[in-house]
Amino acid sequence: MSFIKNLTLTAALGCAASVASAETVLIHGEAGPNGGARADALQWFADQVAERSDGDLRMDIQWGGALFKANAAVQSIADGVADTGSVIAVYYPQEMAAYGIADLPVNNPDAWVGMRATDELMRSNPAIAEDLADKNLVYIGTWTTSQVNIGCKGDAIRTVADIDGKKVRGVGAYGKVFGEEGANMVNMSIYDAYQGLDTGLIDCSQGYSYAVAALKQAEVMDNYTLLNWGQVGGLGIFMNKFMYDSLDPKQQDVLTSTGADMADEFGRMITTANDNAIASMKEQNVEIIELPAEERAKLVEAGQKFLGQWVETASASGLPAEQMLEDYQALITKYTAERDTKGYPWAPKSN
């Protein structure tokens, strides 16, 4: 009887082990904390992967740089330190030049349009896929910081001429354009901008509406100018190619389709967060200024220099940069038209 019991127990344990081994757990490295809109979107991605795969795939997210810091993400994912990970293109201007196209100061402030254009380009361009494969990487999905705006203490930026002489904390190429327009650029983290504005170390800080709210920067701002210019969109999920290739086609499809859908979900999240942030600033008596279209056009024109520099960098990496930039701008036009005719995917549909 004891033998039969033991045999039955062994069989049960074997069955349980077999069931457990059917689940594939993917380790994801994330340098940021488990909080905020991007963290919510990453958790949404993980939950959706589990649901859409009927539990066959599960994401184990390691937050806060537990596996690697943001500036070590590409090599760590390629080496298999994590199966998937969050990559920020600005840390890799040459290595991830293809993805850096989403950071360029082109004429597109819309978060959803930017993500959709970036996502389609990253999925459909053979040269990008080949370049990533050489690095043992596969693209999965994208986020965005949303449009770059500027908040100031004291005199506001109402025209491009107002930039001259201002002490400004900048963001990527957008900060470089301000420098070209006469701003005194101060190298400062967005997390230090509150103190910088409060103490007068800087007059203005470029950033994102939701971040102003999250970091309570409205407390030290008198005005906030909506530049309606562009965004920083080169941040998203990449996967170790060896691991991706080891999955069956159904599992691969779950990851890539969920990654594509993340643009809609994060678009909803970030648009809502930004709208709420602007409303909150108004309640705190921060003047909200809309940069006139003719002034915005001056910034877009000034940014052309940095688009040209990107073309040179990407071309040196063996990418068809000029064609990529043309395709990217065409995709922005495509999704802008889709938004204008159909509305956002999350917007209520009229009968």
Protein backbone atom coordinates (compact mmCIF):
# COMPACT_ATOMS: atom_id res chain seq x y z
CA MET A 1 0.00 0.00 0.00
CA SER A 2 2.86 2.32 0.90
CA PHE A 3 4.51 1.53 -2.43
CA ILE A 4 1.32 2.38 -4.31
CA LYS A 5 0.95 5.63 -2.37
CA ASN A 6 4.53 6.56 -3.15
CA LEU A 7 4.07 5.70 -6.82
CA THR A 8 0.93 7.80 -6.97
CA LEU A 9 2.68 10.72 -5.28
CA THR A 10 5.64 10.45 -7.65
CA ALA A 11 3.32 10.45 -10.66
CA ALA A 12 1.44 13.49 -9.30
CA LEU A 13 4.66 15.39 -8.72
CA GLY A 14 5.86 14.48 -12.19
CA CYS A 15 2.62 15.72 -13.69
CA ALA A 16 2.86 18.97 -11.73
CA ALA A 17 6.46 19.46 -12.86
CA SER A 18 5.39 18.88 -16.45
CA VAL A 19 2.68 21.54 -16.14
CA ALA A 20 5.08 23.96 -14.48
CA SER A 21 7.72 23.45 -17.17
CA ALA A 22 5.16 24.37 -19.85
CA GLU A 23 5.24 27.96 -18.63
CA THR A 24 8.03 30.07 -20.14
CA VAL A 25 9.19 32.83 -17.82
CA LEU A 26 10.90 35.79 -19.46
CA ILE A 27 13.10 37.97 -17.26
CA HIS A 28 12.72 41.70 -18.05
CA GLY A 29 15.24 44.30 -16.94
CA GLU A 30 13.88 47.80 -16.21
CA ALA A 31 16.15 50.58 -14.96
CA GLY A 32 13.26 52.72 -13.72
CA PRO A 33 11.14 52.34 -10.59
CA ASN A 34 7.82 50.53 -10.37
CA GLY A 35 5.76 53.71 -10.56
CA GLY A 36 4.44 56.16 -13.13
CA ALA A 37 2.83 55.87 -16.55
CA ARG A 38 5.65 53.92 -18.22
CA ALA A 39 5.78 51.42 -15.37
CA ASP A 40 2.01 51.01 -15.63
CA ALA A 41 2.35 50.35 -19.37
CA LEU A 42 5.11 47.80 -18.80
CA GLN A 43 2.95 46.01 -16.23
CA TRP A 44 0.04 46.11 -18.71
CA PHE A 45 2.33 44.48 -21.28
CA ALA A 46 3.30 41.74 -18.84
CA ASP A 47 -0.32 41.10 -17.83
CA GLN A 48 -1.44 40.97 -21.46
CA VAL A 49 1.34 38.56 -22.43
CA ALA A 50 0.21 36.18 -19.70
CA GLU A 51 -3.46 36.53 -20.63
CA ARG A 52 -3.03 36.24 -24.39
CA SER A 53 -0.77 33.20 -24.06
CA ASP A 54 -3.18 31.50 -21.61
CA GLY A 55 -0.40 31.42 -19.06
CA ASP A 56 2.14 29.92 -21.43
CA LEU A 57 4.33 33.04 -21.19
CA ARG A 58 5.01 35.10 -18.09
CA MET A 59 7.12 38.22 -17.57
CA ASP A 60 9.24 38.55 -14.44
CA ILE A 61 10.04 42.28 -14.26
CA GLN A 62 13.15 43.29 -12.36
CA TRP A 63 12.63 46.97 -11.48
CA GLY A 64 14.96 49.78 -10.47
CA GLY A 65 18.11 48.65 -12.28
CA ALA A 66 18.34 45.41 -10.33
CA LEU A 67 19.83 43.64 -13.38
CA PHE A 68 21.44 46.56 -15.23
CA LYS A 69 21.42 50.33 -15.43
CA ALA A 70 19.89 52.20 -18.38
CA ASN A 71 23.28 52.80 -20.00
CA ALA A 72 24.06 49.06 -19.98
CA ALA A 73 20.74 47.77 -21.29
CA VAL A 74 21.65 46.98 -24.92
CA GLN A 75 24.71 44.87 -24.14
CA SER A 76 23.01 43.19 -21.17
CA ILE A 77 20.00 42.10 -23.24
CA ALA A 78 22.25 40.94 -26.09
CA ASP A 79 24.36 38.93 -23.63
CA GLY A 80 21.31 37.30 -22.05
CA VAL A 81 21.50 38.99 -18.65
CA ALA A 82 17.76 39.44 -19.25
CA ASP A 83 15.49 37.96 -21.91
CA THR A 84 13.84 41.31 -22.56
CA GLY A 85 14.60 44.81 -21.35
CA SER A 86 13.80 48.50 -21.58
CA VAL A 87 16.15 50.43 -23.87
CA ILE A 88 16.61 54.23 -24.03
CA ALA A 89 18.11 55.16 -27.40
CA VAL A 90 19.76 58.39 -26.23
CA TYR A 91 22.35 56.32 -24.33
CA TYR A 92 23.38 54.67 -27.61
CA PRO A 93 23.57 57.39 -30.31
CA GLN A 94 25.56 55.14 -32.66
CA GLU A 95 24.72 51.60 -31.59
CA MET A 96 20.96 52.28 -31.62
CA ALA A 97 20.97 54.97 -34.30
CA ALA A 98 17.97 53.40 -36.04
CA TYR A 99 15.80 53.70 -32.94
CA GLY A 100 17.15 57.19 -32.28
CA ILE A 101 15.08 58.43 -35.21
CA ALA A 102 12.18 58.69 -32.74
CA ASP A 103 14.12 61.33 -30.74
CA LEU A 104 14.54 63.75 -33.65
CA PRO A 105 12.96 67.23 -33.48
CA VAL A 106 10.54 66.62 -36.33
CA ASN A 107 7.20 68.35 -36.52
CA ASN A 108 5.10 65.96 -34.43
CA PRO A 109 4.07 66.61 -30.81
CA ASP A 110 1.38 63.88 -30.69
CA ALA A 111 2.39 60.93 -28.47
CA TRP A 112 0.15 58.34 -30.15
CA VAL A 113 1.11 59.40 -33.68
CA GLY A 114 4.79 59.24 -32.75
CA MET A 115 4.56 55.79 -31.20
CA ARG A 116 2.55 54.37 -34.10
CA ALA A 117 4.99 55.80 -36.67
CA THR A 118 8.01 54.53 -34.73
CA ASP A 119 6.46 51.11 -34.16
CA GLU A 120 5.63 50.55 -37.83
CA LEU A 121 9.05 51.72 -38.98
CA MET A 122 10.85 49.44 -36.50
CA ARG A 123 8.76 46.42 -37.57
CA SER A 124 8.65 46.94 -41.31
CA ASN A 125 12.14 48.11 -42.24
CA PRO A 126 14.40 45.14 -43.22
CA ALA A 127 17.59 47.15 -42.68
CA ILE A 128 16.60 47.89 -39.08
CA ALA A 129 15.74 44.24 -38.41
CA GLU A 130 19.08 43.16 -39.86
CA ASP A 131 20.98 45.77 -37.85
CA LEU A 132 19.29 44.61 -34.65
CA ALA A 133 19.88 40.94 -35.50
CA ASP A 134 23.61 41.68 -35.81
CA LYS A 135 23.40 42.91 -32.23
CA ASN A 136 21.42 39.80 -31.15
CA LEU A 137 18.32 41.95 -30.56
CA VAL A 138 14.67 41.89 -31.63
CA TYR A 139 12.35 44.90 -31.38
CA ILE A 140 9.15 44.27 -29.36
CA GLY A 141 7.38 47.59 -28.67
CA THR A 142 7.76 51.30 -27.99
CA TRP A 143 6.87 54.10 -25.57
CA THR A 144 7.42 57.85 -25.67
CA THR A 145 8.10 60.61 -23.17
CA SER A 146 5.46 62.64 -25.08
CA GLN A 147 5.98 66.16 -26.39
CA VAL A 148 8.76 68.38 -25.10
CA ASN A 149 7.50 71.65 -23.55
CA ILE A 150 9.16 74.27 -21.35
CA GLY A 151 8.35 75.75 -17.96
CA CYS A 152 9.95 78.94 -16.63
CA LYS A 153 10.21 80.95 -13.46
CA GLY A 154 10.01 84.62 -14.35
CA ASP A 155 9.65 85.80 -17.93
CA ALA A 156 7.90 83.34 -20.23
CA ILE A 157 8.91 82.02 -23.63
CA ARG A 158 6.23 83.36 -25.96
CA THR A 159 8.38 83.61 -29.09
CA VAL A 160 11.66 82.10 -30.29
CA ALA A 161 13.33 85.45 -29.60
CA ASP A 162 12.54 85.02 -25.90
CA ILE A 163 14.90 82.02 -25.73
CA ASP A 164 18.00 84.21 -26.10
CA GLY A 165 19.89 84.63 -22.82
CA LYS A 166 17.74 82.22 -20.79
CA LYS A 167 19.46 79.66 -18.57
CA VAL A 168 17.84 76.42 -19.71
CA ARG A 169 17.91 72.75 -18.80
CA GLY A 170 17.44 71.02 -22.14
CA VAL A 171 16.33 67.65 -23.52
CA GLY A 172 18.38 66.05 -26.29
CA ALA A 173 18.25 67.77 -29.69
CA TYR A 174 15.50 70.07 -28.41
CA GLY A 175 17.96 71.55 -25.95
CA LYS A 176 20.57 71.87 -28.69
CA VAL A 177 18.15 73.89 -30.80
CA PHE A 178 17.54 76.21 -27.84
CA GLY A 179 21.30 76.60 -27.52
CA GLU A 180 21.48 77.57 -31.18
CA GLU A 181 18.82 80.21 -30.45
CA GLY A 182 20.95 81.82 -27.75
CA ALA A 183 20.02 79.97 -24.55
CA ASN A 184 22.69 79.27 -21.95
CA MET A 185 22.34 75.51 -21.57
CA VAL A 186 22.81 74.03 -18.10
CA ASN A 187 23.62 70.33 -17.76
CA MET A 188 21.07 69.18 -15.19
CA SER A 189 18.88 66.15 -14.54
CA ILE A 190 15.12 66.58 -14.77
CA TYR A 191 15.04 65.46 -11.14
CA ASP A 192 17.16 68.47 -10.12
CA ALA A 193 15.12 70.99 -12.13
CA TYR A 194 12.86 71.83 -9.17
CA GLN A 195 15.78 73.03 -7.09
CA GLY A 196 17.36 74.68 -10.13
CA LEU A 197 14.25 76.76 -10.80
CA ASP A 198 13.73 77.48 -7.13
CA THR A 199 17.27 78.78 -6.59
CA GLY A 200 17.63 80.60 -9.91
CA LEU A 201 20.34 78.27 -11.20
CA ILE A 202 18.12 77.89 -14.26
CA ASP A 203 15.35 80.09 -15.65
CA CYS A 204 13.55 77.38 -17.58
CA SER A 205 13.40 73.60 -17.88
CA GLN A 206 12.39 71.57 -20.90
CA GLY A 207 10.36 68.53 -19.99
CA TYR A 208 7.05 66.70 -20.22
CA SER A 209 3.72 67.73 -18.73
CA TYR A 210 3.16 64.54 -16.73
CA ALA A 211 6.68 64.82 -15.31
CA VAL A 212 6.03 68.39 -14.17
CA ALA A 213 3.12 67.06 -12.14
CA ALA A 214 4.97 64.01 -10.83
CA LEU A 215 7.96 66.09 -9.72
CA LYS A 216 5.80 68.96 -8.38
CA GLN A 217 7.69 71.46 -10.55
CA ALA A 218 4.60 73.66 -10.95
CA GLU A 219 5.34 74.89 -7.42
CA VAL A 220 8.38 76.74 -8.77
CA MET A 221 7.08 77.67 -12.25
CA ASP A 222 5.28 80.85 -13.23
CA ASN A 223 4.46 79.77 -16.76
CA TYR A 224 4.51 76.75 -19.05
CA THR A 225 4.80 77.00 -22.83
CA LEU A 226 3.35 74.27 -25.05
CA LEU A 227 5.85 74.13 -27.89
CA ASN A 228 3.75 71.76 -30.06
CA TRP A 229 7.01 70.69 -31.68
CA GLY A 230 8.21 67.14 -31.07
CA GLN A 231 8.99 64.42 -28.56
CA VAL A 232 11.58 61.95 -27.33
CA GLY A 233 10.31 58.54 -28.43
CA GLY A 234 13.34 56.26 -28.53
CA LEU A 235 12.50 54.13 -25.52
CA GLY A 236 10.92 50.71 -25.61
CA ILE A 237 11.21 46.95 -25.21
CA PHE A 238 13.84 44.82 -26.95
CA MET A 239 14.49 41.09 -26.67
CA ASN A 240 17.49 38.78 -26.84
CA LYS A 241 17.27 37.30 -30.36
CA PHE A 242 18.53 33.87 -29.34
CA MET A 243 15.73 33.65 -26.77
CA TYR A 244 13.15 35.03 -29.22
CA ASP A 245 14.15 32.48 -31.87
CA SER A 246 13.81 29.66 -29.32
CA LEU A 247 10.09 30.43 -28.86
CA ASP A 248 7.41 28.88 -31.04
CA PRO A 249 5.61 31.11 -33.60
CA LYS A 250 2.53 31.49 -31.39
CA GLN A 251 4.63 32.75 -28.48
CA GLN A 252 6.51 35.13 -30.76
CA ASP A 253 3.23 36.49 -32.07
CA VAL A 254 1.92 37.10 -28.54
CA LEU A 255 4.99 39.21 -27.74
CA THR A 256 5.06 41.23 -30.97
CA SER A 257 1.30 41.81 -31.21
CA THR A 258 1.10 42.85 -27.56
CA GLY A 259 4.09 45.13 -28.12
CA ALA A 260 2.31 46.75 -31.06
CA ASP A 261 -0.88 47.24 -29.05
CA MET A 262 1.13 48.90 -26.28
CA ALA A 263 1.25 52.08 -28.40
CA ASP A 264 -2.53 52.43 -28.09
CA GLU A 265 -2.61 51.66 -24.37
CA PHE A 266 0.30 53.91 -23.49
CA GLY A 267 -1.07 56.58 -25.81
CA ARG A 268 -4.25 56.58 -23.73
CA MET A 269 -2.32 56.63 -20.46
CA ILE A 270 0.12 59.40 -21.35
CA THR A 271 -2.48 61.62 -23.05
CA THR A 272 -4.70 61.43 -19.97
CA ALA A 273 -1.74 62.06 -17.66
CA ASN A 274 -0.64 65.11 -19.67
CA ASP A 275 -4.17 66.57 -19.82
CA ASN A 276 -4.50 66.13 -16.07
CA ALA A 277 -1.11 67.76 -15.51
CA ILE A 278 -2.07 70.85 -17.55
CA ALA A 279 -5.34 71.14 -15.62
CA SER A 280 -3.41 70.89 -12.35
CA MET A 281 -0.96 73.61 -13.42
CA LYS A 282 -3.84 75.95 -14.20
CA GLU A 283 -5.27 75.31 -10.73
CA GLN A 284 -1.87 76.33 -9.30
CA ASN A 285 -2.02 79.58 -11.30
CA VAL A 286 0.74 78.61 -13.71
CA GLU A 287 0.14 80.51 -16.96
CA ILE A 288 -0.29 78.08 -19.87
CA ILE A 289 1.00 79.51 -23.15
CA GLU A 290 0.52 78.08 -26.64
CA LEU A 291 3.50 78.86 -28.88
CA PRO A 292 2.14 80.44 -32.09
CA ALA A 293 2.36 78.30 -35.23
CA GLU A 294 4.76 80.71 -36.93
CA GLU A 295 7.12 80.52 -33.95
CA ARG A 296 6.91 76.73 -33.83
CA ALA A 297 7.86 76.68 -37.53
CA LYS A 298 11.09 78.49 -36.64
CA LEU A 299 12.00 75.75 -34.15
CA VAL A 300 11.17 73.01 -36.66
CA GLU A 301 13.42 74.72 -39.21
CA ALA A 302 16.24 75.12 -36.68
CA GLY A 303 15.98 71.41 -35.91
CA GLN A 304 16.80 70.42 -39.50
CA LYS A 305 20.50 70.68 -38.69
CA PHE A 306 20.17 67.89 -36.14
CA LEU A 307 18.16 65.71 -38.50
CA GLY A 308 21.10 66.03 -40.88
CA GLN A 309 23.53 65.01 -38.16
CA TRP A 310 21.42 61.93 -37.43
CA VAL A 311 21.47 61.00 -41.12
CA GLU A 312 25.28 61.14 -41.06
CA THR A 313 25.50 59.00 -37.91
CA ALA A 314 22.99 56.40 -39.09
CA SER A 315 24.56 56.24 -42.56
CA ALA A 316 27.95 55.59 -40.98
CA SER A 317 26.34 52.61 -39.22
CA GLY A 318 25.37 51.16 -42.60
CA LEU A 319 21.71 52.17 -42.47
CA PRO A 320 19.75 53.74 -45.37
CA ALA A 321 19.25 56.82 -43.23
CA GLU A 322 17.80 59.26 -45.74
CA GLN A 323 15.17 56.75 -46.86
CA MET A 324 14.41 55.85 -43.24
CA LEU A 325 13.84 59.49 -42.35
CA GLU A 326 11.60 59.95 -45.38
CA ASP A 327 9.63 56.81 -44.45
CA TYR A 328 9.33 57.93 -40.81
CA GLN A 329 7.96 61.33 -41.76
CA ALA A 330 5.51 59.68 -44.17
CA LEU A 331 4.31 57.45 -41.32
CA ILE A 332 3.80 60.50 -39.10
CA THR A 333 1.64 61.97 -41.86
CA LYS A 334 -0.24 58.67 -42.17
CA TYR A 335 -1.10 58.36 -38.48
CA THR A 336 -1.87 62.06 -38.13
CA ALA A 337 -4.48 61.63 -40.87
CA GLU A 338 -5.82 58.48 -39.17
CA ARG A 339 -6.18 60.36 -35.89
CA ASP A 340 -7.91 63.25 -37.62
CA THR A 341 -10.41 61.03 -39.46
CA LYS A 342 -11.01 58.24 -36.93
CA GLY A 343 -9.96 59.76 -33.62
CA TYR A 344 -7.79 58.02 -31.06
CA PRO A 345 -8.37 54.25 -30.63
CA TRP A 346 -9.53 54.77 -27.04
CA ALA A 347 -11.93 57.62 -27.83
CA PRO A 348 -15.69 56.86 -27.61
CA LYS A 349 -17.05 56.04 -31.05
CA SER A 350 -20.14 57.90 -32.24
CA ASN A 351 -23.04 55.83 -33.55
